[in-house]
Amino acid sequence: MNNDVIANVLRTSKTIAVVGLSSKPERASYQVAAYLQRHGYRIIPVNPRETQVLGEQAYATLRDVPLTIDIVDVFRESSAVPEIVADTIAIGTKVLWLQLDIHHGDAEAQAQAAGITVISDVCIKIAHAELLT
């Protein structure tokens, strides 16, 4: 994925569902989501073990979120990606962002075939800091 596409995604997106967002401040998911929130993005926590994170109501699954989501940002193990892709397709989100070291070739291909922009093995916080600040 080239930097122009990534920068455009970050510029045009407003709402980011963070799948696997933890309420523990020491976790990378929390730190990344807090950074994004500070930079004006609406963060939607998606984690069945949480009720609220960073002042936002948490949802058990992507399909439970009653809002339009611009980016699905994934902080889960690679084996969870196929289910997340199915949910991403079902809710009509146009961008799937897989954080560092998260890969699932078949699921990524399925998402791309459904017209979803897939950004994988890239930290959204690092990309934002490098490309937009």
N, C-alpha and C. Protein backbone atom coordinates (compact mmCIF):
# COMPACT_ATOMS: atom_id res chain seq x y z
N MET A 1 0.85 -1.17 0.00
CA MET A 1 0.00 0.00 0.00
C MET A 1 0.89 1.23 0.00
N ASN A 2 0.61 2.16 -0.92
CA ASN A 2 1.50 3.33 -0.99
C ASN A 2 1.03 4.44 -0.04
N ASN A 3 1.96 5.32 0.28
CA ASN A 3 1.70 6.36 1.26
C ASN A 3 0.61 7.33 0.85
N ASP A 4 0.43 7.58 -0.45
CA ASP A 4 -0.62 8.48 -0.89
C ASP A 4 -2.00 7.92 -0.57
N VAL A 5 -2.17 6.63 -0.79
CA VAL A 5 -3.45 5.97 -0.48
C VAL A 5 -3.70 6.02 1.02
N ILE A 6 -2.68 5.68 1.80
CA ILE A 6 -2.82 5.68 3.26
C ILE A 6 -3.15 7.09 3.76
N ALA A 7 -2.44 8.10 3.28
CA ALA A 7 -2.71 9.47 3.71
C ALA A 7 -4.13 9.89 3.34
N ASN A 8 -4.59 9.51 2.16
CA ASN A 8 -5.95 9.85 1.74
C ASN A 8 -6.98 9.17 2.64
N VAL A 9 -6.75 7.91 2.99
CA VAL A 9 -7.66 7.20 3.89
C VAL A 9 -7.72 7.93 5.23
N LEU A 10 -6.59 8.31 5.76
CA LEU A 10 -6.55 8.99 7.05
C LEU A 10 -7.19 10.38 7.00
N ARG A 11 -7.02 11.08 5.88
CA ARG A 11 -7.60 12.42 5.73
C ARG A 11 -9.12 12.38 5.61
N THR A 12 -9.64 11.38 4.92
CA THR A 12 -11.07 11.35 4.61
C THR A 12 -11.90 10.56 5.62
N SER A 13 -11.28 9.89 6.55
CA SER A 13 -11.99 9.07 7.53
C SER A 13 -12.24 9.87 8.80
N LYS A 14 -13.37 9.57 9.44
CA LYS A 14 -13.72 10.25 10.69
C LYS A 14 -13.97 9.27 11.83
N THR A 15 -14.51 8.09 11.52
CA THR A 15 -14.92 7.13 12.54
C THR A 15 -14.13 5.83 12.36
N ILE A 16 -13.48 5.40 13.44
CA ILE A 16 -12.63 4.21 13.40
C ILE A 16 -13.10 3.23 14.46
N ALA A 17 -13.53 2.05 14.02
CA ALA A 17 -13.85 0.97 14.95
C ALA A 17 -12.55 0.24 15.25
N VAL A 18 -12.20 0.14 16.52
CA VAL A 18 -10.97 -0.53 16.92
C VAL A 18 -11.35 -1.88 17.51
N VAL A 19 -11.13 -2.92 16.71
CA VAL A 19 -11.49 -4.28 17.13
C VAL A 19 -10.37 -4.82 18.02
N GLY A 20 -10.75 -5.18 19.25
CA GLY A 20 -9.78 -5.65 20.22
C GLY A 20 -9.28 -4.54 21.13
N LEU A 21 -9.96 -3.39 21.13
CA LEU A 21 -9.53 -2.27 21.97
C LEU A 21 -9.69 -2.63 23.44
N SER A 22 -8.63 -2.46 24.18
CA SER A 22 -8.60 -2.76 25.61
C SER A 22 -8.70 -1.47 26.42
N SER A 23 -9.28 -1.56 27.61
CA SER A 23 -9.34 -0.40 28.51
C SER A 23 -8.06 -0.26 29.34
N LYS A 24 -7.10 -1.15 29.13
CA LYS A 24 -5.84 -1.09 29.87
C LYS A 24 -4.88 -0.12 29.18
N PRO A 25 -4.51 0.98 29.84
CA PRO A 25 -3.67 2.01 29.22
C PRO A 25 -2.31 1.51 28.73
N GLU A 26 -1.81 0.42 29.30
CA GLU A 26 -0.51 -0.08 28.87
C GLU A 26 -0.57 -0.86 27.56
N ARG A 27 -1.75 -1.17 27.09
CA ARG A 27 -1.90 -1.94 25.85
C ARG A 27 -1.75 -1.04 24.62
N ALA A 28 -1.15 -1.60 23.58
CA ALA A 28 -0.96 -0.85 22.33
C ALA A 28 -2.29 -0.37 21.76
N SER A 29 -3.32 -1.21 21.84
CA SER A 29 -4.62 -0.82 21.27
C SER A 29 -5.13 0.46 21.95
N TYR A 30 -4.99 0.54 23.25
CA TYR A 30 -5.44 1.72 23.99
C TYR A 30 -4.62 2.95 23.60
N GLN A 31 -3.31 2.79 23.55
CA GLN A 31 -2.43 3.92 23.22
C GLN A 31 -2.70 4.45 21.82
N VAL A 32 -2.89 3.54 20.87
CA VAL A 32 -3.16 3.94 19.49
C VAL A 32 -4.52 4.63 19.41
N ALA A 33 -5.54 4.04 20.03
CA ALA A 33 -6.88 4.64 19.99
C ALA A 33 -6.90 6.01 20.66
N ALA A 34 -6.20 6.15 21.79
CA ALA A 34 -6.13 7.44 22.48
C ALA A 34 -5.47 8.49 21.58
N TYR A 35 -4.41 8.10 20.90
CA TYR A 35 -3.72 9.01 19.97
C TYR A 35 -4.69 9.45 18.87
N LEU A 36 -5.40 8.49 18.27
CA LEU A 36 -6.34 8.82 17.20
C LEU A 36 -7.45 9.74 17.69
N GLN A 37 -7.94 9.46 18.89
CA GLN A 37 -8.99 10.28 19.47
C GLN A 37 -8.48 11.72 19.67
N ARG A 38 -7.26 11.86 20.16
CA ARG A 38 -6.67 13.19 20.35
C ARG A 38 -6.52 13.95 19.03
N HIS A 39 -6.44 13.20 17.93
CA HIS A 39 -6.29 13.83 16.61
C HIS A 39 -7.63 13.95 15.87
N GLY A 40 -8.73 13.86 16.61
CA GLY A 40 -10.02 14.19 16.05
C GLY A 40 -10.87 13.06 15.51
N TYR A 41 -10.39 11.83 15.60
CA TYR A 41 -11.18 10.70 15.11
C TYR A 41 -12.16 10.24 16.18
N ARG A 42 -13.32 9.78 15.76
CA ARG A 42 -14.28 9.14 16.67
C ARG A 42 -13.87 7.68 16.75
N ILE A 43 -13.63 7.22 17.96
CA ILE A 43 -13.20 5.85 18.19
C ILE A 43 -14.39 5.03 18.67
N ILE A 44 -14.59 3.87 18.07
CA ILE A 44 -15.64 2.95 18.49
C ILE A 44 -14.96 1.67 18.98
N PRO A 45 -14.98 1.40 20.29
CA PRO A 45 -14.38 0.17 20.80
C PRO A 45 -15.23 -1.05 20.42
N VAL A 46 -14.57 -2.08 19.92
CA VAL A 46 -15.24 -3.34 19.62
C VAL A 46 -14.50 -4.44 20.38
N ASN A 47 -15.12 -4.85 21.49
CA ASN A 47 -14.52 -5.86 22.36
C ASN A 47 -15.62 -6.36 23.29
N PRO A 48 -15.96 -7.65 23.22
CA PRO A 48 -17.05 -8.16 24.07
C PRO A 48 -16.75 -8.12 25.56
N ARG A 49 -15.49 -7.90 25.93
CA ARG A 49 -15.11 -7.85 27.35
C ARG A 49 -15.13 -6.44 27.93
N GLU A 50 -15.45 -5.46 27.12
CA GLU A 50 -15.46 -4.06 27.58
C GLU A 50 -16.87 -3.48 27.47
N THR A 51 -17.15 -2.51 28.34
CA THR A 51 -18.42 -1.78 28.24
C THR A 51 -18.19 -0.36 27.76
N GLN A 52 -17.03 0.19 28.12
CA GLN A 52 -16.69 1.55 27.72
C GLN A 52 -15.17 1.68 27.71
N VAL A 53 -14.65 2.37 26.68
CA VAL A 53 -13.22 2.64 26.60
C VAL A 53 -13.06 4.05 26.04
N LEU A 54 -12.20 4.83 26.66
CA LEU A 54 -11.91 6.20 26.22
C LEU A 54 -13.18 7.04 26.09
N GLY A 55 -14.14 6.79 26.99
CA GLY A 55 -15.37 7.56 27.00
C GLY A 55 -16.38 7.16 25.95
N GLU A 56 -16.12 6.10 25.22
CA GLU A 56 -17.02 5.63 24.17
C GLU A 56 -17.60 4.27 24.55
N GLN A 57 -18.88 4.07 24.24
CA GLN A 57 -19.52 2.79 24.47
C GLN A 57 -18.84 1.72 23.63
N ALA A 58 -18.60 0.57 24.24
CA ALA A 58 -18.00 -0.57 23.51
C ALA A 58 -19.11 -1.49 23.00
N TYR A 59 -18.83 -2.16 21.91
CA TYR A 59 -19.75 -3.11 21.29
C TYR A 59 -19.07 -4.47 21.20
N ALA A 60 -19.88 -5.52 21.29
CA ALA A 60 -19.33 -6.88 21.26
C ALA A 60 -18.78 -7.24 19.88
N THR A 61 -19.45 -6.82 18.83
CA THR A 61 -19.02 -7.14 17.46
C THR A 61 -19.23 -5.92 16.57
N LEU A 62 -18.62 -5.94 15.41
CA LEU A 62 -18.81 -4.86 14.44
C LEU A 62 -20.28 -4.74 14.03
N ARG A 63 -20.96 -5.87 13.92
CA ARG A 63 -22.36 -5.85 13.49
C ARG A 63 -23.27 -5.19 14.51
N ASP A 64 -22.81 -5.06 15.75
CA ASP A 64 -23.61 -4.41 16.81
C ASP A 64 -23.49 -2.88 16.78
N VAL A 65 -22.53 -2.35 16.07
CA VAL A 65 -22.29 -0.90 16.06
C VAL A 65 -23.36 -0.22 15.20
N PRO A 66 -24.11 0.74 15.80
CA PRO A 66 -25.20 1.38 15.06
C PRO A 66 -24.76 2.62 14.26
N LEU A 67 -23.47 2.79 14.08
CA LEU A 67 -22.94 3.96 13.38
C LEU A 67 -22.23 3.55 12.10
N THR A 68 -22.06 4.49 11.19
CA THR A 68 -21.27 4.24 9.99
C THR A 68 -19.79 4.27 10.39
N ILE A 69 -19.06 3.27 9.96
CA ILE A 69 -17.64 3.15 10.30
C ILE A 69 -16.82 3.37 9.03
N ASP A 70 -15.82 4.24 9.12
CA ASP A 70 -14.95 4.50 7.97
C ASP A 70 -13.80 3.52 7.88
N ILE A 71 -13.22 3.16 9.04
CA ILE A 71 -12.08 2.24 9.09
C ILE A 71 -12.33 1.21 10.18
N VAL A 72 -12.09 -0.06 9.85
CA VAL A 72 -12.04 -1.11 10.86
C VAL A 72 -10.56 -1.36 11.12
N ASP A 73 -10.11 -1.01 12.32
CA ASP A 73 -8.71 -1.15 12.72
C ASP A 73 -8.61 -2.37 13.64
N VAL A 74 -7.77 -3.32 13.27
CA VAL A 74 -7.77 -4.62 13.95
C VAL A 74 -6.55 -4.83 14.84
N PHE A 75 -6.83 -5.08 16.12
CA PHE A 75 -5.84 -5.47 17.12
C PHE A 75 -6.21 -6.85 17.65
N ARG A 76 -6.27 -7.82 16.77
CA ARG A 76 -6.58 -9.19 17.16
C ARG A 76 -5.58 -10.11 16.47
N GLU A 77 -5.53 -11.36 16.90
CA GLU A 77 -4.62 -12.31 16.28
C GLU A 77 -5.07 -12.57 14.83
N SER A 78 -4.12 -12.96 14.01
CA SER A 78 -4.39 -13.17 12.59
C SER A 78 -5.51 -14.18 12.35
N SER A 79 -5.64 -15.17 13.23
CA SER A 79 -6.69 -16.18 13.04
C SER A 79 -8.10 -15.61 13.17
N ALA A 80 -8.25 -14.43 13.77
CA ALA A 80 -9.56 -13.79 13.91
C ALA A 80 -9.94 -12.96 12.68
N VAL A 81 -9.01 -12.74 11.77
CA VAL A 81 -9.25 -11.86 10.63
C VAL A 81 -10.39 -12.33 9.72
N PRO A 82 -10.53 -13.62 9.39
CA PRO A 82 -11.64 -14.00 8.51
C PRO A 82 -13.03 -13.58 9.04
N GLU A 83 -13.27 -13.76 10.32
CA GLU A 83 -14.56 -13.35 10.89
C GLU A 83 -14.71 -11.83 10.85
N ILE A 84 -13.64 -11.12 11.12
CA ILE A 84 -13.67 -9.66 11.08
C ILE A 84 -13.92 -9.17 9.65
N VAL A 85 -13.33 -9.83 8.68
CA VAL A 85 -13.57 -9.48 7.28
C VAL A 85 -15.03 -9.71 6.92
N ALA A 86 -15.60 -10.83 7.34
CA ALA A 86 -17.01 -11.10 7.06
C ALA A 86 -17.89 -9.99 7.64
N ASP A 87 -17.59 -9.58 8.86
CA ASP A 87 -18.35 -8.50 9.50
C ASP A 87 -18.13 -7.17 8.78
N THR A 88 -16.90 -6.91 8.38
CA THR A 88 -16.57 -5.66 7.67
C THR A 88 -17.34 -5.58 6.36
N ILE A 89 -17.39 -6.67 5.63
CA ILE A 89 -18.16 -6.72 4.39
C ILE A 89 -19.64 -6.50 4.68
N ALA A 90 -20.16 -7.18 5.70
CA ALA A 90 -21.58 -7.11 6.04
C ALA A 90 -22.03 -5.70 6.40
N ILE A 91 -21.18 -4.93 7.08
CA ILE A 91 -21.58 -3.59 7.50
C ILE A 91 -21.23 -2.52 6.47
N GLY A 92 -20.51 -2.89 5.43
CA GLY A 92 -20.24 -1.95 4.34
C GLY A 92 -19.10 -0.98 4.57
N THR A 93 -18.21 -1.30 5.48
CA THR A 93 -17.04 -0.44 5.70
C THR A 93 -16.08 -0.58 4.53
N LYS A 94 -15.47 0.50 4.14
CA LYS A 94 -14.63 0.50 2.93
C LYS A 94 -13.14 0.33 3.19
N VAL A 95 -12.70 0.38 4.48
CA VAL A 95 -11.28 0.25 4.77
C VAL A 95 -11.08 -0.73 5.92
N LEU A 96 -10.21 -1.71 5.70
CA LEU A 96 -9.80 -2.66 6.73
C LEU A 96 -8.33 -2.40 7.00
N TRP A 97 -8.00 -2.10 8.26
CA TRP A 97 -6.62 -1.79 8.63
C TRP A 97 -6.15 -2.85 9.61
N LEU A 98 -5.16 -3.63 9.20
CA LEU A 98 -4.58 -4.67 10.05
C LEU A 98 -3.27 -4.14 10.63
N GLN A 99 -3.21 -4.08 11.94
CA GLN A 99 -2.05 -3.53 12.63
C GLN A 99 -0.80 -4.37 12.38
N LEU A 100 0.32 -3.95 12.91
CA LEU A 100 1.59 -4.63 12.73
C LEU A 100 1.50 -6.11 13.06
N ASP A 101 2.09 -6.93 12.22
CA ASP A 101 2.18 -8.39 12.39
C ASP A 101 0.84 -9.11 12.28
N ILE A 102 -0.18 -8.47 11.76
CA ILE A 102 -1.47 -9.14 11.56
C ILE A 102 -1.64 -9.36 10.06
N HIS A 103 -1.78 -10.64 9.69
CA HIS A 103 -1.91 -11.02 8.28
C HIS A 103 -2.88 -12.18 8.15
N HIS A 104 -3.62 -12.22 7.07
CA HIS A 104 -4.39 -13.40 6.70
C HIS A 104 -4.68 -13.26 5.20
N GLY A 105 -3.80 -13.85 4.40
CA GLY A 105 -3.85 -13.67 2.95
C GLY A 105 -5.21 -13.94 2.34
N ASP A 106 -5.84 -15.06 2.68
CA ASP A 106 -7.14 -15.40 2.09
C ASP A 106 -8.20 -14.37 2.47
N ALA A 107 -8.25 -14.00 3.74
CA ALA A 107 -9.26 -13.04 4.20
C ALA A 107 -9.01 -11.66 3.60
N GLU A 108 -7.73 -11.27 3.49
CA GLU A 108 -7.41 -9.98 2.88
C GLU A 108 -7.84 -9.97 1.41
N ALA A 109 -7.63 -11.07 0.70
CA ALA A 109 -8.05 -11.17 -0.70
C ALA A 109 -9.57 -11.11 -0.80
N GLN A 110 -10.26 -11.74 0.12
CA GLN A 110 -11.72 -11.69 0.14
C GLN A 110 -12.21 -10.26 0.35
N ALA A 111 -11.58 -9.55 1.25
CA ALA A 111 -11.95 -8.15 1.50
C ALA A 111 -11.72 -7.30 0.25
N GLN A 112 -10.55 -7.47 -0.37
CA GLN A 112 -10.25 -6.71 -1.58
C GLN A 112 -11.23 -7.04 -2.70
N ALA A 113 -11.61 -8.30 -2.83
CA ALA A 113 -12.59 -8.69 -3.85
C ALA A 113 -13.94 -8.04 -3.60
N ALA A 114 -14.23 -7.71 -2.35
CA ALA A 114 -15.48 -7.05 -1.99
C ALA A 114 -15.38 -5.52 -2.11
N GLY A 115 -14.25 -5.03 -2.61
CA GLY A 115 -14.08 -3.60 -2.82
C GLY A 115 -13.55 -2.84 -1.62
N ILE A 116 -13.03 -3.56 -0.65
CA ILE A 116 -12.50 -2.93 0.56
C ILE A 116 -11.01 -2.65 0.38
N THR A 117 -10.59 -1.46 0.75
CA THR A 117 -9.17 -1.13 0.77
C THR A 117 -8.56 -1.81 1.99
N VAL A 118 -7.53 -2.60 1.77
CA VAL A 118 -6.88 -3.33 2.86
C VAL A 118 -5.48 -2.77 3.07
N ILE A 119 -5.23 -2.34 4.29
CA ILE A 119 -3.90 -1.88 4.70
C ILE A 119 -3.45 -2.85 5.78
N SER A 120 -2.35 -3.55 5.53
CA SER A 120 -1.93 -4.56 6.50
C SER A 120 -0.49 -4.37 6.92
N ASP A 121 -0.23 -4.83 8.15
CA ASP A 121 1.11 -4.78 8.75
C ASP A 121 1.64 -3.35 8.83
N VAL A 122 0.73 -2.41 9.11
CA VAL A 122 1.08 -1.00 9.26
C VAL A 122 0.39 -0.48 10.51
N CYS A 123 1.10 0.23 11.35
CA CYS A 123 0.48 0.83 12.53
C CYS A 123 -0.18 2.15 12.12
N ILE A 124 -1.47 2.27 12.39
CA ILE A 124 -2.22 3.46 12.01
C ILE A 124 -1.69 4.71 12.72
N LYS A 125 -1.22 4.57 13.94
CA LYS A 125 -0.67 5.70 14.70
C LYS A 125 0.63 6.18 14.05
N ILE A 126 1.51 5.26 13.72
CA ILE A 126 2.78 5.62 13.09
C ILE A 126 2.52 6.24 11.72
N ALA A 127 1.61 5.65 10.95
CA ALA A 127 1.29 6.19 9.63
C ALA A 127 0.74 7.61 9.74
N HIS A 128 -0.15 7.83 10.69
CA HIS A 128 -0.72 9.16 10.88
C HIS A 128 0.39 10.17 11.24
N ALA A 129 1.22 9.78 12.20
CA ALA A 129 2.29 10.68 12.64
C ALA A 129 3.26 11.01 11.51
N GLU A 130 3.57 10.03 10.68
CA GLU A 130 4.53 10.24 9.60
C GLU A 130 3.93 11.01 8.42
N LEU A 131 2.65 10.76 8.13
CA LEU A 131 2.07 11.29 6.89
C LEU A 131 1.22 12.55 7.08
N LEU A 132 0.68 12.77 8.29
CA LEU A 132 -0.26 13.88 8.45
C LEU A 132 0.14 14.90 9.52
N THR A 133 1.24 14.67 10.24
CA THR A 133 1.59 15.66 11.25
C THR A 133 2.93 16.29 10.94
